[in-house]
Amino acid sequence: MNHKKLISVLTPCYNEEKNIEEVYLKVKEIFEEFEEYDYEHIFIDNASSDKTVSILKSIASKDPRIKIIINARNFGVIRSYYYGLLQAYGDAVVLIFADLQEPPSLIKEFIKKWEEGYKVVQAVKTFSEENYLLFTIKKLYYYFLGKVSEVELSGNTSGFGLYDQTILNVLRQIDDPYPYFKGLISEIGFDKAKIPYTQNKRKRGVSAMNFYKLYDYAMLGITSHSKVPLRLATMVGFSLSVLCCLLAIGTFVAKLLFWNYFPIGIAALIIGVFFLSSVQLFFIGMIGEYIGLMNMRMLKRPLVIERERINF
């Protein structure tokens, strides 16, 4: 008798009481069509302050395929969903978020590509119904990151996709306390299948991803996979020092030749000082980002501390 393959579906959530039951039902409906597969649906809750956990517990009491990890506190979306992935031991793991902006129906295409032999299947946003300006900024960021990164990174992906257990076994060996998941997937190096989709607009609830969290995630991607900003600081510093030296010599010569007609003035001096100071502060801040990431990784703190597990 052949054993059915197990698909683990992971859904990270934080204050998603208005969406969590619909996510569960949509995933359940999809796997009712796939009798050749078993599935489990793992929810990792990041210490929600609303009714998300109580709703999940109610669902789990009726459906043993629903498993819940409840974090002791809010450890941030980056650490929480990565930790959840490492707790999933199905033959393949599908990552889908609770806000329903990514269509669960794509799970069918993920599995099809996986059965064709792909270890990684990623959904790629071709368009988003979210704020157009925000989508454009993200698109430009991924373009920039792709240019400066030392590995080929997939742009316009949220992590929504399917990952073979082979990939997760490699991730478990990496032991990164603050991982850039999409970058690690590219570092591992398996061929990826990419499926285009349109990201839906959030219908209910408010996103927990504010500007600071988006900035943090963006900087994590740059500092984890590129040395370009550090080298750019060196090159810009050297170039500006040469330029300033030439300007100083030119000003000195002009003053000697046209002593009475060439006032040096204070404006040029102030502009030069402020310009150089701003450049220095920018690159000091960039270096600080690298040092901060190094410090976090050297501390080796756990990704997540669990408060409770249900149905494992």
C-alpha atoms as a PDB file:
ATOM      1  CA  MET A   1       0.000   0.000   0.000  1.00  0.00           C
ATOM      2  CA  ASN A   2       1.413   3.361  -1.044  1.00  0.00           C
ATOM      3  CA  HIS A   3       1.467   6.115   1.536  1.00  0.00           C
ATOM      4  CA  LYS A   4      -0.016   9.442   0.543  1.00  0.00           C
ATOM      5  CA  LYS A   5       2.331  12.404   0.326  1.00  0.00           C
ATOM      6  CA  LEU A   6       1.872  14.945   3.090  1.00  0.00           C
ATOM      7  CA  ILE A   7       1.593  18.633   2.237  1.00  0.00           C
ATOM      8  CA  SER A   8       2.169  21.012   5.147  1.00  0.00           C
ATOM      9  CA  VAL A   9       0.481  24.386   4.773  1.00  0.00           C
ATOM     10  CA  LEU A  10       1.920  27.134   6.973  1.00  0.00           C
ATOM     11  CA  THR A  11       0.009  30.326   7.755  1.00  0.00           C
ATOM     12  CA  PRO A  12       1.660  32.973   9.952  1.00  0.00           C
ATOM     13  CA  CYS A  13      -0.853  35.250  11.634  1.00  0.00           C
ATOM     14  CA  TYR A  14      -1.111  38.257  13.905  1.00  0.00           C
ATOM     15  CA  ASN A  15      -4.452  39.874  14.746  1.00  0.00           C
ATOM     16  CA  GLU A  16      -6.249  38.215  11.825  1.00  0.00           C
ATOM     17  CA  GLU A  17      -9.526  37.319  13.541  1.00  0.00           C
ATOM     18  CA  LYS A  18     -11.506  38.528  10.518  1.00  0.00           C
ATOM     19  CA  ASN A  19      -9.595  36.389   8.012  1.00  0.00           C
ATOM     20  CA  ILE A  20      -8.325  33.291   9.772  1.00  0.00           C
ATOM     21  CA  GLU A  21     -11.410  31.086   9.408  1.00  0.00           C
ATOM     22  CA  GLU A  22     -11.759  31.899   5.707  1.00  0.00           C
ATOM     23  CA  VAL A  23      -8.112  30.943   5.099  1.00  0.00           C
ATOM     24  CA  TYR A  24      -8.726  27.627   6.839  1.00  0.00           C
ATOM     25  CA  LEU A  25     -11.866  26.920   4.803  1.00  0.00           C
ATOM     26  CA  LYS A  26     -10.286  27.844   1.468  1.00  0.00           C
ATOM     27  CA  VAL A  27      -7.277  25.572   2.068  1.00  0.00           C
ATOM     28  CA  LYS A  28      -9.558  22.752   3.233  1.00  0.00           C
ATOM     29  CA  GLU A  29     -11.699  23.131   0.107  1.00  0.00           C
ATOM     30  CA  ILE A  30      -8.613  22.886  -2.133  1.00  0.00           C
ATOM     31  CA  PHE A  31      -7.372  19.661  -0.542  1.00  0.00           C
ATOM     32  CA  GLU A  32     -10.787  18.037  -0.741  1.00  0.00           C
ATOM     33  CA  GLU A  33     -10.056  17.888  -4.489  1.00  0.00           C
ATOM     34  CA  PHE A  34      -6.664  16.222  -3.891  1.00  0.00           C
ATOM     35  CA  GLU A  35      -7.537  12.792  -2.496  1.00  0.00           C
ATOM     36  CA  GLU A  36      -4.059  11.531  -3.357  1.00  0.00           C
ATOM     37  CA  TYR A  37      -2.522  13.855  -0.747  1.00  0.00           C
ATOM     38  CA  ASP A  38      -2.780  14.203   2.997  1.00  0.00           C
ATOM     39  CA  TYR A  39      -2.397  17.694   4.396  1.00  0.00           C
ATOM     40  CA  GLU A  40      -1.895  19.521   7.654  1.00  0.00           C
ATOM     41  CA  HIS A  41      -2.459  23.232   8.204  1.00  0.00           C
ATOM     42  CA  ILE A  42      -0.059  24.837  10.667  1.00  0.00           C
ATOM     43  CA  PHE A  43      -0.857  28.280  12.043  1.00  0.00           C
ATOM     44  CA  ILE A  44       1.894  30.142  13.874  1.00  0.00           C
ATOM     45  CA  ASP A  45       0.420  32.999  15.871  1.00  0.00           C
ATOM     46  CA  ASN A  46       2.672  35.900  16.854  1.00  0.00           C
ATOM     47  CA  ALA A  47       0.975  36.618  20.202  1.00  0.00           C
ATOM     48  CA  SER A  48      -2.191  38.156  18.747  1.00  0.00           C
ATOM     49  CA  SER A  49      -4.086  40.558  20.982  1.00  0.00           C
ATOM     50  CA  ASP A  50      -7.482  39.909  19.354  1.00  0.00           C
ATOM     51  CA  LYS A  51      -9.579  36.713  19.055  1.00  0.00           C
ATOM     52  CA  THR A  52      -7.317  35.000  16.508  1.00  0.00           C
ATOM     53  CA  VAL A  53      -6.034  32.359  18.949  1.00  0.00           C
ATOM     54  CA  SER A  54      -9.466  31.503  20.369  1.00  0.00           C
ATOM     55  CA  ILE A  55     -10.855  31.070  16.836  1.00  0.00           C
ATOM     56  CA  LEU A  56      -7.927  28.821  15.908  1.00  0.00           C
ATOM     57  CA  LYS A  57      -8.374  26.714  19.051  1.00  0.00           C
ATOM     58  CA  SER A  58     -12.048  26.273  18.233  1.00  0.00           C
ATOM     59  CA  ILE A  59     -11.188  25.098  14.717  1.00  0.00           C
ATOM     60  CA  ALA A  60      -8.407  22.797  15.986  1.00  0.00           C
ATOM     61  CA  SER A  61     -10.750  21.130  18.474  1.00  0.00           C
ATOM     62  CA  LYS A  62     -12.898  19.943  15.546  1.00  0.00           C
ATOM     63  CA  ASP A  63     -10.198  19.293  12.934  1.00  0.00           C
ATOM     64  CA  PRO A  64      -7.033  17.385  13.995  1.00  0.00           C
ATOM     65  CA  ARG A  65      -5.265  18.478  10.795  1.00  0.00           C
ATOM     66  CA  ILE A  66      -5.109  21.998  12.209  1.00  0.00           C
ATOM     67  CA  LYS A  67      -1.969  22.555  14.279  1.00  0.00           C
ATOM     68  CA  ILE A  68      -1.189  25.727  16.174  1.00  0.00           C
ATOM     69  CA  ILE A  69       2.023  27.266  17.496  1.00  0.00           C
ATOM     70  CA  ILE A  70       1.478  30.246  19.786  1.00  0.00           C
ATOM     71  CA  ASN A  71       4.487  32.472  20.384  1.00  0.00           C
ATOM     72  CA  ALA A  72       5.308  33.742  23.869  1.00  0.00           C
ATOM     73  CA  ARG A  73       5.465  37.285  22.474  1.00  0.00           C
ATOM     74  CA  ASN A  74       5.543  39.083  19.146  1.00  0.00           C
ATOM     75  CA  PHE A  75       8.896  38.091  17.643  1.00  0.00           C
ATOM     76  CA  GLY A  76       8.291  39.888  14.347  1.00  0.00           C
ATOM     77  CA  VAL A  77       7.061  38.480  11.069  1.00  0.00           C
ATOM     78  CA  ILE A  78      10.565  37.652   9.771  1.00  0.00           C
ATOM     79  CA  ARG A  79      11.473  35.320  12.619  1.00  0.00           C
ATOM     80  CA  SER A  80       7.995  33.934  13.199  1.00  0.00           C
ATOM     81  CA  TYR A  81       7.154  32.559   9.761  1.00  0.00           C
ATOM     82  CA  TYR A  82      10.698  31.288   9.232  1.00  0.00           C
ATOM     83  CA  TYR A  83      10.476  29.371  12.507  1.00  0.00           C
ATOM     84  CA  GLY A  84       7.102  28.012  11.455  1.00  0.00           C
ATOM     85  CA  LEU A  85       8.562  26.695   8.212  1.00  0.00           C
ATOM     86  CA  LEU A  86      11.237  24.812  10.144  1.00  0.00           C
ATOM     87  CA  GLN A  87       8.513  23.082  12.210  1.00  0.00           C
ATOM     88  CA  ALA A  88       6.769  21.721   9.111  1.00  0.00           C
ATOM     89  CA  TYR A  89       7.803  18.188   8.110  1.00  0.00           C
ATOM     90  CA  GLY A  90       5.514  17.399   5.199  1.00  0.00           C
ATOM     91  CA  ASP A  91       6.981  16.214   1.893  1.00  0.00           C
ATOM     92  CA  ALA A  92       6.416  19.790   0.738  1.00  0.00           C
ATOM     93  CA  VAL A  93       5.497  22.965   2.609  1.00  0.00           C
ATOM     94  CA  VAL A  94       3.222  25.705   1.275  1.00  0.00           C
ATOM     95  CA  LEU A  95       3.596  29.177   2.785  1.00  0.00           C
ATOM     96  CA  ILE A  96       0.458  31.304   2.553  1.00  0.00           C
ATOM     97  CA  PHE A  97      -0.322  34.394   4.599  1.00  0.00           C
ATOM     98  CA  ALA A  98      -3.533  35.033   6.512  1.00  0.00           C
ATOM     99  CA  ASP A  99      -4.546  38.316   4.860  1.00  0.00           C
ATOM    100  CA  LEU A 100      -5.910  36.574   1.729  1.00  0.00           C
ATOM    101  CA  GLN A 101      -4.022  38.924  -0.577  1.00  0.00           C
ATOM    102  CA  GLU A 102      -2.450  35.860  -2.180  1.00  0.00           C
ATOM    103  CA  PRO A 103      -5.017  33.563  -3.840  1.00  0.00           C
ATOM    104  CA  PRO A 104      -5.089  30.097  -2.179  1.00  0.00           C
ATOM    105  CA  SER A 105      -6.198  28.617  -5.510  1.00  0.00           C
ATOM    106  CA  LEU A 106      -2.568  28.824  -6.670  1.00  0.00           C
ATOM    107  CA  ILE A 107      -1.746  25.916  -4.329  1.00  0.00           C
ATOM    108  CA  LYS A 108      -2.994  23.593  -7.081  1.00  0.00           C
ATOM    109  CA  GLU A 109      -0.425  25.005  -9.516  1.00  0.00           C
ATOM    110  CA  PHE A 110       2.303  24.829  -6.858  1.00  0.00           C
ATOM    111  CA  ILE A 111       1.716  21.120  -6.365  1.00  0.00           C
ATOM    112  CA  LYS A 112       1.620  20.498 -10.109  1.00  0.00           C
ATOM    113  CA  LYS A 113       5.018  22.171 -10.575  1.00  0.00           C
ATOM    114  CA  TRP A 114       6.403  20.331  -7.543  1.00  0.00           C
ATOM    115  CA  GLU A 115       5.348  17.001  -9.051  1.00  0.00           C
ATOM    116  CA  GLU A 116       7.209  18.010 -12.208  1.00  0.00           C
ATOM    117  CA  GLY A 117      10.401  18.005 -10.133  1.00  0.00           C
ATOM    118  CA  TYR A 118      10.846  21.583  -8.905  1.00  0.00           C
ATOM    119  CA  LYS A 119      12.035  21.899  -5.303  1.00  0.00           C
ATOM    120  CA  VAL A 120      10.949  25.537  -5.091  1.00  0.00           C
ATOM    121  CA  VAL A 121       7.797  27.029  -6.574  1.00  0.00           C
ATOM    122  CA  GLN A 122       7.373  30.771  -6.049  1.00  0.00           C
ATOM    123  CA  ALA A 123       4.455  33.050  -6.815  1.00  0.00           C
ATOM    124  CA  VAL A 124       5.602  36.302  -8.437  1.00  0.00           C
ATOM    125  CA  LYS A 125       3.474  39.459  -8.343  1.00  0.00           C
ATOM    126  CA  THR A 126       2.918  40.951 -11.781  1.00  0.00           C
ATOM    127  CA  PHE A 127       0.399  43.449 -10.443  1.00  0.00           C
ATOM    128  CA  SER A 128      -1.011  44.414  -7.081  1.00  0.00           C
ATOM    129  CA  GLU A 129      -4.319  45.943  -6.090  1.00  0.00           C
ATOM    130  CA  GLU A 130      -2.623  47.503  -3.061  1.00  0.00           C
ATOM    131  CA  ASN A 131      -1.436  51.118  -3.029  1.00  0.00           C
ATOM    132  CA  TYR A 132       0.125  51.737  -6.458  1.00  0.00           C
ATOM    133  CA  LEU A 133       2.906  53.922  -5.084  1.00  0.00           C
ATOM    134  CA  LEU A 134       3.875  51.276  -2.520  1.00  0.00           C
ATOM    135  CA  PHE A 135       3.871  48.547  -5.171  1.00  0.00           C
ATOM    136  CA  THR A 136       6.088  50.690  -7.441  1.00  0.00           C
ATOM    137  CA  ILE A 137       8.547  51.388  -4.608  1.00  0.00           C
ATOM    138  CA  LYS A 138       8.756  47.665  -3.832  1.00  0.00           C
ATOM    139  CA  LYS A 139       9.311  46.906  -7.499  1.00  0.00           C
ATOM    140  CA  LEU A 140      12.173  49.427  -7.682  1.00  0.00           C
ATOM    141  CA  TYR A 141      13.651  48.015  -4.481  1.00  0.00           C
ATOM    142  CA  TYR A 142      13.693  44.481  -5.860  1.00  0.00           C
ATOM    143  CA  TYR A 143      15.259  45.763  -9.079  1.00  0.00           C
ATOM    144  CA  PHE A 144      17.988  47.518  -7.083  1.00  0.00           C
ATOM    145  CA  LEU A 145      18.510  44.493  -4.837  1.00  0.00           C
ATOM    146  CA  GLY A 146      18.804  42.227  -7.863  1.00  0.00           C
ATOM    147  CA  LYS A 147      21.537  44.467  -9.283  1.00  0.00           C
ATOM    148  CA  VAL A 148      23.670  44.713  -6.120  1.00  0.00           C
ATOM    149  CA  SER A 149      23.130  41.213  -4.731  1.00  0.00           C
ATOM    150  CA  GLU A 150      25.813  38.551  -4.957  1.00  0.00           C
ATOM    151  CA  VAL A 151      23.167  35.926  -5.800  1.00  0.00           C
ATOM    152  CA  GLU A 152      20.238  36.085  -8.188  1.00  0.00           C
ATOM    153  CA  LEU A 153      17.258  37.072  -6.050  1.00  0.00           C
ATOM    154  CA  SER A 154      13.658  36.675  -7.084  1.00  0.00           C
ATOM    155  CA  GLY A 155      11.879  40.002  -7.283  1.00  0.00           C
ATOM    156  CA  ASN A 156       8.270  40.800  -6.383  1.00  0.00           C
ATOM    157  CA  THR A 157       7.817  37.732  -4.193  1.00  0.00           C
ATOM    158  CA  SER A 158       6.374  37.666  -0.688  1.00  0.00           C
ATOM    159  CA  GLY A 159       7.505  34.121   0.111  1.00  0.00           C
ATOM    160  CA  PHE A 160       4.133  32.759  -0.979  1.00  0.00           C
ATOM    161  CA  GLY A 161       4.943  29.444  -2.620  1.00  0.00           C
ATOM    162  CA  LEU A 162       5.874  25.784  -2.126  1.00  0.00           C
ATOM    163  CA  TYR A 163       9.160  24.443  -0.755  1.00  0.00           C
ATOM    164  CA  ASP A 164      10.267  20.828  -0.839  1.00  0.00           C
ATOM    165  CA  GLN A 165      11.363  19.254   2.442  1.00  0.00           C
ATOM    166  CA  THR A 166      14.874  18.994   0.934  1.00  0.00           C
ATOM    167  CA  ILE A 167      15.053  22.806   1.024  1.00  0.00           C
ATOM    168  CA  LEU A 168      13.870  22.995   4.627  1.00  0.00           C
ATOM    169  CA  ASN A 169      16.434  20.414   5.733  1.00  0.00           C
ATOM    170  CA  VAL A 170      19.154  22.681   4.330  1.00  0.00           C
ATOM    171  CA  LEU A 171      17.643  25.717   6.096  1.00  0.00           C
ATOM    172  CA  ARG A 172      17.690  23.840   9.408  1.00  0.00           C
ATOM    173  CA  GLN A 173      21.456  23.457   9.065  1.00  0.00           C
ATOM    174  CA  ILE A 174      22.040  27.179   8.427  1.00  0.00           C
ATOM    175  CA  ASP A 175      20.950  28.307  11.926  1.00  0.00           C
ATOM    176  CA  ASP A 176      20.407  31.981  11.133  1.00  0.00           C
ATOM    177  CA  PRO A 177      18.718  33.905  14.014  1.00  0.00           C
ATOM    178  CA  TYR A 178      17.566  36.735  11.724  1.00  0.00           C
ATOM    179  CA  PRO A 179      17.137  35.265   8.247  1.00  0.00           C
ATOM    180  CA  TYR A 180      16.255  36.864   4.941  1.00  0.00           C
ATOM    181  CA  PHE A 181      14.214  33.915   3.741  1.00  0.00           C
ATOM    182  CA  LYS A 182      13.963  34.807   0.061  1.00  0.00           C
ATOM    183  CA  GLY A 183      17.704  35.378  -0.091  1.00  0.00           C
ATOM    184  CA  LEU A 184      18.448  32.042   1.582  1.00  0.00           C
ATOM    185  CA  ILE A 185      16.270  30.259  -0.968  1.00  0.00           C
ATOM    186  CA  SER A 186      18.418  31.806  -3.719  1.00  0.00           C
ATOM    187  CA  GLU A 187      21.621  30.946  -1.830  1.00  0.00           C
ATOM    188  CA  ILE A 188      20.672  27.264  -1.746  1.00  0.00           C
ATOM    189  CA  GLY A 189      20.554  27.300  -5.510  1.00  0.00           C
ATOM    190  CA  PHE A 190      17.867  24.865  -6.685  1.00  0.00           C
ATOM    191  CA  ASP A 191      15.944  25.678  -9.856  1.00  0.00           C
ATOM    192  CA  LYS A 192      12.753  27.611  -9.137  1.00  0.00           C
ATOM    193  CA  ALA A 193       9.430  27.506 -10.908  1.00  0.00           C
ATOM    194  CA  LYS A 194       7.757  30.925 -10.985  1.00  0.00           C
ATOM    195  CA  ILE A 195       4.020  31.421 -11.222  1.00  0.00           C
ATOM    196  CA  PRO A 196       2.707  34.953 -11.976  1.00  0.00           C
ATOM    197  CA  TYR A 197      -0.293  36.275 -10.097  1.00  0.00           C
ATOM    198  CA  THR A 198      -2.130  39.464  -9.208  1.00  0.00           C
ATOM    199  CA  GLN A 199      -2.039  40.337  -5.531  1.00  0.00           C
ATOM    200  CA  ASN A 200      -5.489  41.066  -4.118  1.00  0.00           C
ATOM    201  CA  LYS A 201      -6.332  44.062  -1.986  1.00  0.00           C
ATOM    202  CA  ARG A 202      -6.775  43.319   1.702  1.00  0.00           C
ATOM    203  CA  LYS A 203     -10.512  43.099   2.332  1.00  0.00           C
ATOM    204  CA  ARG A 204     -10.633  42.880   6.117  1.00  0.00           C
ATOM    205  CA  GLY A 205      -8.375  43.972   8.952  1.00  0.00           C
ATOM    206  CA  VAL A 206      -5.277  46.139   8.978  1.00  0.00           C
ATOM    207  CA  SER A 207      -1.812  45.023   7.905  1.00  0.00           C
ATOM    208  CA  ALA A 208       0.801  44.787  10.660  1.00  0.00           C
ATOM    209  CA  MET A 209       3.526  45.706   8.140  1.00  0.00           C
ATOM    210  CA  ASN A 210       4.103  49.399   8.813  1.00  0.00           C
ATOM    211  CA  PHE A 211       6.819  51.583   7.256  1.00  0.00           C
ATOM    212  CA  TYR A 212       9.435  50.682   9.878  1.00  0.00           C
ATOM    213  CA  LYS A 213       8.942  46.931   9.385  1.00  0.00           C
ATOM    214  CA  LEU A 214       9.114  47.293   5.597  1.00  0.00           C
ATOM    215  CA  TYR A 215      12.317  49.340   5.965  1.00  0.00           C
ATOM    216  CA  ASP A 216      13.778  46.735   8.333  1.00  0.00           C
ATOM    217  CA  TYR A 217      13.025  43.933   5.863  1.00  0.00           C
ATOM    218  CA  ALA A 218      14.469  45.943   2.973  1.00  0.00           C
ATOM    219  CA  MET A 219      17.710  46.647   4.847  1.00  0.00           C
ATOM    220  CA  LEU A 220      17.946  43.000   5.885  1.00  0.00           C
ATOM    221  CA  GLY A 221      17.888  41.979   2.231  1.00  0.00           C
ATOM    222  CA  ILE A 222      20.634  44.438   1.291  1.00  0.00           C
ATOM    223  CA  THR A 223      22.947  43.793   4.245  1.00  0.00           C
ATOM    224  CA  SER A 224      22.532  39.997   4.022  1.00  0.00           C
ATOM    225  CA  HIS A 225      23.378  39.634   0.353  1.00  0.00           C
ATOM    226  CA  SER A 226      25.443  42.581  -0.844  1.00  0.00           C
ATOM    227  CA  LYS A 227      28.735  44.293  -0.008  1.00  0.00           C
ATOM    228  CA  VAL A 228      28.083  47.010  -2.587  1.00  0.00           C
ATOM    229  CA  PRO A 229      27.006  49.739  -0.082  1.00  0.00           C
ATOM    230  CA  LEU A 230      30.231  49.266   1.910  1.00  0.00           C
ATOM    231  CA  ARG A 231      32.389  49.441  -1.178  1.00  0.00           C
ATOM    232  CA  LEU A 232      30.367  52.351  -2.493  1.00  0.00           C
ATOM    233  CA  ALA A 233      31.144  54.235   0.735  1.00  0.00           C
ATOM    234  CA  THR A 234      34.862  53.721   0.110  1.00  0.00           C
ATOM    235  CA  MET A 235      34.676  54.755  -3.538  1.00  0.00           C
ATOM    236  CA  VAL A 236      32.469  57.801  -2.907  1.00  0.00           C
ATOM    237  CA  GLY A 237      34.680  58.898  -0.030  1.00  0.00           C
ATOM    238  CA  PHE A 238      37.805  58.631  -2.144  1.00  0.00           C
ATOM    239  CA  SER A 239      36.200  60.397  -5.121  1.00  0.00           C
ATOM    240  CA  LEU A 240      34.920  63.269  -2.975  1.00  0.00           C
ATOM    241  CA  SER A 241      38.288  63.678  -1.293  1.00  0.00           C
ATOM    242  CA  VAL A 242      39.968  63.977  -4.714  1.00  0.00           C
ATOM    243  CA  LEU A 243      37.287  66.430  -5.898  1.00  0.00           C
ATOM    244  CA  CYS A 244      37.614  68.551  -2.759  1.00  0.00           C
ATOM    245  CA  CYS A 245      41.396  68.593  -3.107  1.00  0.00           C
ATOM    246  CA  LEU A 246      41.148  69.784  -6.722  1.00  0.00           C
ATOM    247  CA  LEU A 247      38.592  72.449  -5.765  1.00  0.00           C
ATOM    248  CA  ALA A 248      40.840  73.657  -2.951  1.00  0.00           C
ATOM    249  CA  ILE A 249      43.837  73.935  -5.276  1.00  0.00           C
ATOM    250  CA  GLY A 250      41.726  75.696  -7.935  1.00  0.00           C
ATOM    251  CA  THR A 251      40.322  78.139  -5.378  1.00  0.00           C
ATOM    252  CA  PHE A 252      43.789  78.860  -4.011  1.00  0.00           C
ATOM    253  CA  VAL A 253      45.226  79.516  -7.484  1.00  0.00           C
ATOM    254  CA  ALA A 254      42.243  81.694  -8.478  1.00  0.00           C
ATOM    255  CA  LYS A 255      42.623  83.761  -5.322  1.00  0.00           C
ATOM    256  CA  LEU A 256      46.348  84.293  -5.969  1.00  0.00           C
ATOM    257  CA  LEU A 257      45.740  85.363  -9.584  1.00  0.00           C
ATOM    258  CA  PHE A 258      42.649  87.511  -8.938  1.00  0.00           C
ATOM    259  CA  TRP A 259      43.148  88.618  -5.361  1.00  0.00           C
ATOM    260  CA  ASN A 260      40.841  91.620  -5.474  1.00  0.00           C
ATOM    261  CA  TYR A 261      38.199  90.173  -7.773  1.00  0.00           C
ATOM    262  CA  PHE A 262      37.717  86.644  -6.371  1.00  0.00           C
ATOM    263  CA  PRO A 263      35.913  86.666  -3.006  1.00  0.00           C
ATOM    264  CA  ILE A 264      35.967  83.234  -1.389  1.00  0.00           C
ATOM    265  CA  GLY A 265      32.806  83.852   0.651  1.00  0.00           C
ATOM    266  CA  ILE A 266      31.243  81.780   3.381  1.00  0.00           C
ATOM    267  CA  ALA A 267      28.365  80.293   1.329  1.00  0.00           C
ATOM    268  CA  ALA A 268      30.531  77.847  -0.626  1.00  0.00           C
ATOM    269  CA  LEU A 269      32.201  76.732   2.581  1.00  0.00           C
ATOM    270  CA  ILE A 270      28.887  76.083   4.362  1.00  0.00           C
ATOM    271  CA  ILE A 271      27.438  74.195   1.383  1.00  0.00           C
ATOM    272  CA  GLY A 272      30.557  72.037   1.135  1.00  0.00           C
ATOM    273  CA  VAL A 273      30.578  71.208   4.846  1.00  0.00           C
ATOM    274  CA  PHE A 274      26.865  70.275   4.901  1.00  0.00           C
ATOM    275  CA  PHE A 275      27.188  68.176   1.751  1.00  0.00           C
ATOM    276  CA  LEU A 276      30.160  66.216   3.045  1.00  0.00           C
ATOM    277  CA  SER A 277      28.532  65.805   6.458  1.00  0.00           C
ATOM    278  CA  SER A 278      25.341  64.390   4.945  1.00  0.00           C
ATOM    279  CA  VAL A 279      27.312  61.915   2.812  1.00  0.00           C
ATOM    280  CA  GLN A 280      29.290  60.814   5.866  1.00  0.00           C
ATOM    281  CA  LEU A 281      26.151  60.357   7.983  1.00  0.00           C
ATOM    282  CA  PHE A 282      24.489  58.317   5.249  1.00  0.00           C
ATOM    283  CA  PHE A 283      27.347  55.868   4.990  1.00  0.00           C
ATOM    284  CA  ILE A 284      27.897  55.740   8.745  1.00  0.00           C
ATOM    285  CA  GLY A 285      24.236  54.747   9.011  1.00  0.00           C
ATOM    286  CA  MET A 286      24.720  52.082   6.344  1.00  0.00           C
ATOM    287  CA  ILE A 287      27.750  50.689   8.148  1.00  0.00           C
ATOM    288  CA  GLY A 288      25.659  50.714  11.327  1.00  0.00           C
ATOM    289  CA  GLU A 289      23.054  48.518   9.602  1.00  0.00           C
ATOM    290  CA  TYR A 290      25.740  45.933   8.833  1.00  0.00           C
ATOM    291  CA  ILE A 291      27.111  46.077  12.381  1.00  0.00           C
ATOM    292  CA  GLY A 292      23.621  45.781  13.870  1.00  0.00           C
ATOM    293  CA  LEU A 293      22.895  42.685  11.784  1.00  0.00           C
ATOM    294  CA  MET A 294      26.249  41.172  12.765  1.00  0.00           C
ATOM    295  CA  ASN A 295      25.488  41.825  16.442  1.00  0.00           C
ATOM    296  CA  MET A 296      22.068  40.182  16.200  1.00  0.00           C
ATOM    297  CA  ARG A 297      23.534  37.096  14.561  1.00  0.00           C
ATOM    298  CA  MET A 298      26.419  36.861  17.035  1.00  0.00           C
ATOM    299  CA  LEU A 299      23.997  36.923  19.992  1.00  0.00           C
ATOM    300  CA  LYS A 300      22.446  33.689  18.666  1.00  0.00           C
ATOM    301  CA  ARG A 301      19.075  34.310  20.252  1.00  0.00           C
ATOM    302  CA  PRO A 302      16.350  31.801  19.388  1.00  0.00           C
ATOM    303  CA  LEU A 303      14.066  32.618  16.495  1.00  0.00           C
ATOM    304  CA  VAL A 304      10.947  32.176  18.623  1.00  0.00           C
ATOM    305  CA  ILE A 305       9.980  31.073  22.125  1.00  0.00           C
ATOM    306  CA  GLU A 306       6.773  29.050  22.099  1.00  0.00           C
ATOM    307  CA  ARG A 307       4.034  29.473  24.664  1.00  0.00           C
ATOM    308  CA  GLU A 308       1.851  26.608  23.490  1.00  0.00           C
ATOM    309  CA  ARG A 309       1.430  23.931  20.816  1.00  0.00           C
ATOM    310  CA  ILE A 310      -1.841  22.354  19.829  1.00  0.00           C
ATOM    311  CA  ASN A 311      -2.496  19.111  17.872  1.00  0.00           C
ATOM    312  CA  PHE A 312       1.175  18.325  17.291  1.00  0.00           C
END
